[in-house]
PDB file of all heavy atoms in Angstrom:
ATOM      1  N   GLN A   1       4.717 -90.582-106.575  1.00  0.00           N
ATOM      2  CA  GLN A   1       4.373 -90.680-107.997  1.00  0.00           C
ATOM      3  C   GLN A   1       4.952 -89.482-108.726  1.00  0.00           C
ATOM      4  O   GLN A   1       4.773 -88.350-108.329  1.00  0.00           O
ATOM      5  CB  GLN A   1       2.863 -90.714-108.177  1.00  0.00           C
ATOM      6  CG  GLN A   1       2.416 -90.935-109.602  1.00  0.00           C
ATOM      7  CD  GLN A   1       0.898 -91.019-109.722  1.00  0.00           C
ATOM      8  OE1 GLN A   1       0.180 -90.906-108.730  1.00  0.00           O
ATOM      9  NE2 GLN A   1       0.425 -91.223-110.934  1.00  0.00           N
ATOM     10  N   LEU A   2       5.671 -89.764-109.813  1.00  0.00           N
ATOM     11  CA  LEU A   2       6.292 -88.703-110.586  1.00  0.00           C
ATOM     12  C   LEU A   2       5.252 -88.075-111.502  1.00  0.00           C
ATOM     13  O   LEU A   2       4.589 -88.774-112.271  1.00  0.00           O
ATOM     14  CB  LEU A   2       7.436 -89.264-111.417  1.00  0.00           C
ATOM     15  CG  LEU A   2       8.485 -90.069-110.652  1.00  0.00           C
ATOM     16  CD1 LEU A   2       9.574 -90.558-111.601  1.00  0.00           C
ATOM     17  CD2 LEU A   2       9.080 -89.260-109.530  1.00  0.00           C
ATOM     18  N   GLN A   3       5.113 -86.768-111.407  1.00  0.00           N
ATOM     19  CA  GLN A   3       4.111 -86.090-112.213  1.00  0.00           C
ATOM     20  C   GLN A   3       4.606 -84.753-112.718  1.00  0.00           C
ATOM     21  O   GLN A   3       5.375 -84.061-112.043  1.00  0.00           O
ATOM     22  CB  GLN A   3       2.838 -85.834-111.386  1.00  0.00           C
ATOM     23  CG  GLN A   3       1.861 -86.977-111.350  1.00  0.00           C
ATOM     24  CD  GLN A   3       0.524 -86.540-110.769  1.00  0.00           C
ATOM     25  OE1 GLN A   3       0.474 -85.833-109.766  1.00  0.00           O
ATOM     26  NE2 GLN A   3      -0.556 -86.961-111.410  1.00  0.00           N
ATOM     27  N   LEU A   4       4.144 -84.398-113.902  1.00  0.00           N
ATOM     28  CA  LEU A   4       4.293 -83.051-114.440  1.00  0.00           C
ATOM     29  C   LEU A   4       2.882 -82.564-114.742  1.00  0.00           C
ATOM     30  O   LEU A   4       2.114 -83.260-115.406  1.00  0.00           O
ATOM     31  CB  LEU A   4       5.125 -83.051-115.719  1.00  0.00           C
ATOM     32  CG  LEU A   4       6.595 -83.453-115.593  1.00  0.00           C
ATOM     33  CD1 LEU A   4       7.214 -83.607-116.977  1.00  0.00           C
ATOM     34  CD2 LEU A   4       7.361 -82.442-114.770  1.00  0.00           C
ATOM     35  N   VAL A   5       2.551 -81.392-114.254  1.00  0.00           N
ATOM     36  CA  VAL A   5       1.202 -80.862-114.441  1.00  0.00           C
ATOM     37  C   VAL A   5       1.294 -79.479-115.062  1.00  0.00           C
ATOM     38  O   VAL A   5       1.846 -78.555-114.456  1.00  0.00           O
ATOM     39  CB  VAL A   5       0.450 -80.801-113.103  1.00  0.00           C
ATOM     40  CG1 VAL A   5      -0.953 -80.231-113.323  1.00  0.00           C
ATOM     41  CG2 VAL A   5       0.363 -82.182-112.478  1.00  0.00           C
ATOM     42  N   GLU A   6       0.724 -79.353-116.266  1.00  0.00           N
ATOM     43  CA  GLU A   6       0.711 -78.078-116.961  1.00  0.00           C
ATOM     44  C   GLU A   6      -0.511 -77.251-116.572  1.00  0.00           C
ATOM     45  O   GLU A   6      -1.563 -77.804-116.213  1.00  0.00           O
ATOM     46  CB  GLU A   6       0.689 -78.262-118.484  1.00  0.00           C
ATOM     47  CG  GLU A   6       1.835 -79.054-119.072  1.00  0.00           C
ATOM     48  CD  GLU A   6       1.495 -80.523-119.264  1.00  0.00           C
ATOM     49  OE1 GLU A   6       0.583 -81.012-118.561  1.00  0.00           O
ATOM     50  OE2 GLU A   6       2.123 -81.164-120.112  1.00  0.00           O
ATOM     51  N   SER A   7      -0.368 -75.954-116.689  1.00  0.00           N
ATOM     52  CA  SER A   7      -1.488 -75.031-116.487  1.00  0.00           C
ATOM     53  C   SER A   7      -1.215 -73.767-117.283  1.00  0.00           C
ATOM     54  O   SER A   7      -0.099 -73.556-117.767  1.00  0.00           O
ATOM     55  CB  SER A   7      -1.671 -74.704-114.999  1.00  0.00           C
ATOM     56  OG  SER A   7      -0.506 -74.084-114.484  1.00  0.00           O
ATOM     57  N   GLY A   8      -2.256 -72.949-117.417  1.00  0.00           N
ATOM     58  CA  GLY A   8      -2.076 -71.657-118.070  1.00  0.00           C
ATOM     59  C   GLY A   8      -2.581 -71.579-119.490  1.00  0.00           C
ATOM     60  O   GLY A   8      -2.548 -70.517-120.101  1.00  0.00           O
ATOM     61  N   GLY A   9      -3.037 -72.691-120.037  1.00  0.00           N
ATOM     62  CA  GLY A   9      -3.578 -72.653-121.386  1.00  0.00           C
ATOM     63  C   GLY A   9      -4.935 -71.972-121.410  1.00  0.00           C
ATOM     64  O   GLY A   9      -5.501 -71.628-120.370  1.00  0.00           O
ATOM     65  N   GLY A  10      -5.442 -71.770-122.615  1.00  0.00           N
ATOM     66  CA  GLY A  10      -6.748 -71.134-122.756  1.00  0.00           C
ATOM     67  C   GLY A  10      -6.906 -70.513-124.116  1.00  0.00           C
ATOM     68  O   GLY A  10      -6.191 -70.834-125.056  1.00  0.00           O
ATOM     69  N   LEU A  11      -7.834 -69.589-124.186  1.00  0.00           N
ATOM     70  CA  LEU A  11      -8.142 -68.895-125.438  1.00  0.00           C
ATOM     71  C   LEU A  11      -7.439 -67.539-125.439  1.00  0.00           C
ATOM     72  O   LEU A  11      -7.521 -66.791-124.451  1.00  0.00           O
ATOM     73  CB  LEU A  11      -9.646 -68.702-125.575  1.00  0.00           C
ATOM     74  CG  LEU A  11     -10.130 -67.914-126.785  1.00  0.00           C
ATOM     75  CD1 LEU A  11      -9.805 -68.647-128.080  1.00  0.00           C
ATOM     76  CD2 LEU A  11     -11.634 -67.655-126.670  1.00  0.00           C
ATOM     77  N   ALA A  12      -6.754 -67.245-126.517  1.00  0.00           N
ATOM     78  CA  ALA A  12      -6.089 -65.958-126.661  1.00  0.00           C
ATOM     79  C   ALA A  12      -6.387 -65.398-128.037  1.00  0.00           C
ATOM     80  O   ALA A  12      -6.614 -66.162-128.996  1.00  0.00           O
ATOM     81  CB  ALA A  12      -4.583 -66.090-126.471  1.00  0.00           C
ATOM     82  N   GLN A  13      -6.403 -64.093-128.150  1.00  0.00           N
ATOM     83  CA  GLN A  13      -6.592 -63.454-129.446  1.00  0.00           C
ATOM     84  C   GLN A  13      -5.256 -63.399-130.183  1.00  0.00           C
ATOM     85  O   GLN A  13      -4.191 -63.389-129.559  1.00  0.00           O
ATOM     86  CB  GLN A  13      -7.140 -62.046-129.265  1.00  0.00           C
ATOM     87  CG  GLN A  13      -8.558 -62.016-128.740  1.00  0.00           C
ATOM     88  CD  GLN A  13      -9.167 -60.626-128.796  1.00  0.00           C
ATOM     89  OE1 GLN A  13      -8.458 -59.632-128.864  1.00  0.00           O
ATOM     90  NE2 GLN A  13     -10.488 -60.558-128.787  1.00  0.00           N
ATOM     91  N   PRO A  14      -5.280 -63.358-131.493  1.00  0.00           N
ATOM     92  CA  PRO A  14      -4.027 -63.157-132.234  1.00  0.00           C
ATOM     93  C   PRO A  14      -3.309 -61.907-131.744  1.00  0.00           C
ATOM     94  O   PRO A  14      -3.939 -60.862-131.539  1.00  0.00           O
ATOM     95  CB  PRO A  14      -4.501 -63.011-133.680  1.00  0.00           C
ATOM     96  CG  PRO A  14      -5.789 -63.780-133.722  1.00  0.00           C
ATOM     97  CD  PRO A  14      -6.439 -63.549-132.391  1.00  0.00           C
ATOM     98  N   GLY A  15      -2.012 -62.053-131.532  1.00  0.00           N
ATOM     99  CA  GLY A  15      -1.224 -60.961-130.980  1.00  0.00           C
ATOM    100  C   GLY A  15      -1.178 -60.948-129.477  1.00  0.00           C
ATOM    101  O   GLY A  15      -0.421 -60.167-128.889  1.00  0.00           O
ATOM    102  N   GLY A  16      -1.971 -61.790-128.840  1.00  0.00           N
ATOM    103  CA  GLY A  16      -2.018 -61.834-127.391  1.00  0.00           C
ATOM    104  C   GLY A  16      -0.907 -62.679-126.788  1.00  0.00           C
ATOM    105  O   GLY A  16      -0.022 -63.174-127.495  1.00  0.00           O
ATOM    106  N   SER A  17      -0.982 -62.829-125.473  1.00  0.00           N
ATOM    107  CA  SER A  17       0.050 -63.550-124.730  1.00  0.00           C
ATOM    108  C   SER A  17      -0.570 -64.547-123.755  1.00  0.00           C
ATOM    109  O   SER A  17      -1.680 -64.333-123.252  1.00  0.00           O
ATOM    110  CB  SER A  17       0.915 -62.565-123.934  1.00  0.00           C
ATOM    111  OG  SER A  17       1.589 -61.665-124.781  1.00  0.00           O
ATOM    112  N   LEU A  18       0.174 -65.595-123.519  1.00  0.00           N
ATOM    113  CA  LEU A  18      -0.155 -66.568-122.477  1.00  0.00           C
ATOM    114  C   LEU A  18       1.154 -67.055-121.872  1.00  0.00           C
ATOM    115  O   LEU A  18       2.179 -67.107-122.565  1.00  0.00           O
ATOM    116  CB  LEU A  18      -0.910 -67.773-123.042  1.00  0.00           C
ATOM    117  CG  LEU A  18      -2.382 -67.613-123.433  1.00  0.00           C
ATOM    118  CD1 LEU A  18      -2.869 -68.878-124.133  1.00  0.00           C
ATOM    119  CD2 LEU A  18      -3.237 -67.295-122.232  1.00  0.00           C
ATOM    120  N   THR A  19       1.093 -67.439-120.607  1.00  0.00           N
ATOM    121  CA  THR A  19       2.246 -68.075-119.966  1.00  0.00           C
ATOM    122  C   THR A  19       1.819 -69.433-119.440  1.00  0.00           C
ATOM    123  O   THR A  19       0.884 -69.525-118.634  1.00  0.00           O
ATOM    124  CB  THR A  19       2.795 -67.227-118.820  1.00  0.00           C
ATOM    125  OG1 THR A  19       3.259 -65.977-119.330  1.00  0.00           O
ATOM    126  CG2 THR A  19       3.968 -67.946-118.148  1.00  0.00           C
ATOM    127  N   LEU A  20       2.470 -70.460-119.926  1.00  0.00           N
ATOM    128  CA  LEU A  20       2.218 -71.819-119.460  1.00  0.00           C
ATOM    129  C   LEU A  20       3.177 -72.147-118.323  1.00  0.00           C
ATOM    130  O   LEU A  20       4.328 -71.726-118.335  1.00  0.00           O
ATOM    131  CB  LEU A  20       2.416 -72.816-120.593  1.00  0.00           C
ATOM    132  CG  LEU A  20       1.623 -72.574-121.880  1.00  0.00           C
ATOM    133  CD1 LEU A  20       1.880 -73.703-122.868  1.00  0.00           C
ATOM    134  CD2 LEU A  20       0.143 -72.415-121.597  1.00  0.00           C
ATOM    135  N   SER A  21       2.678 -72.909-117.376  1.00  0.00           N
ATOM    136  CA  SER A  21       3.495 -73.392-116.268  1.00  0.00           C
ATOM    137  C   SER A  21       3.456 -74.903-116.250  1.00  0.00           C
ATOM    138  O   SER A  21       2.466 -75.517-116.671  1.00  0.00           O
ATOM    139  CB  SER A  21       2.974 -72.851-114.930  1.00  0.00           C
ATOM    140  OG  SER A  21       2.995 -71.454-114.897  1.00  0.00           O
ATOM    141  N   CYS A  22       4.511 -75.487-115.730  1.00  0.00           N
ATOM    142  CA  CYS A  22       4.588 -76.943-115.596  1.00  0.00           C
ATOM    143  C   CYS A  22       5.240 -77.241-114.255  1.00  0.00           C
ATOM    144  O   CYS A  22       6.432 -76.974-114.067  1.00  0.00           O
ATOM    145  CB  CYS A  22       5.391 -77.539-116.732  1.00  0.00           C
ATOM    146  SG  CYS A  22       5.699 -79.305-116.559  1.00  0.00           S
ATOM    147  N   ALA A  23       4.457 -77.767-113.347  1.00  0.00           N
ATOM    148  CA  ALA A  23       4.948 -78.058-112.002  1.00  0.00           C
ATOM    149  C   ALA A  23       5.238 -79.542-111.866  1.00  0.00           C
ATOM    150  O   ALA A  23       4.414 -80.383-112.235  1.00  0.00           O
ATOM    151  CB  ALA A  23       3.919 -77.628-110.969  1.00  0.00           C
ATOM    152  N   ALA A  24       6.411 -79.851-111.342  1.00  0.00           N
ATOM    153  CA  ALA A  24       6.807 -81.240-111.115  1.00  0.00           C
ATOM    154  C   ALA A  24       6.522 -81.635-109.678  1.00  0.00           C
ATOM    155  O   ALA A  24       6.698 -80.836-108.760  1.00  0.00           O
ATOM    156  CB  ALA A  24       8.283 -81.431-111.418  1.00  0.00           C
TER     157      ALA A  24
END
């Protein structure tokens, strides 16, 4: 089964950083 799964989202403060990942 072909899938893309994202992770890494969430709550961040203005000026902050996040890194999203997407695994196939």
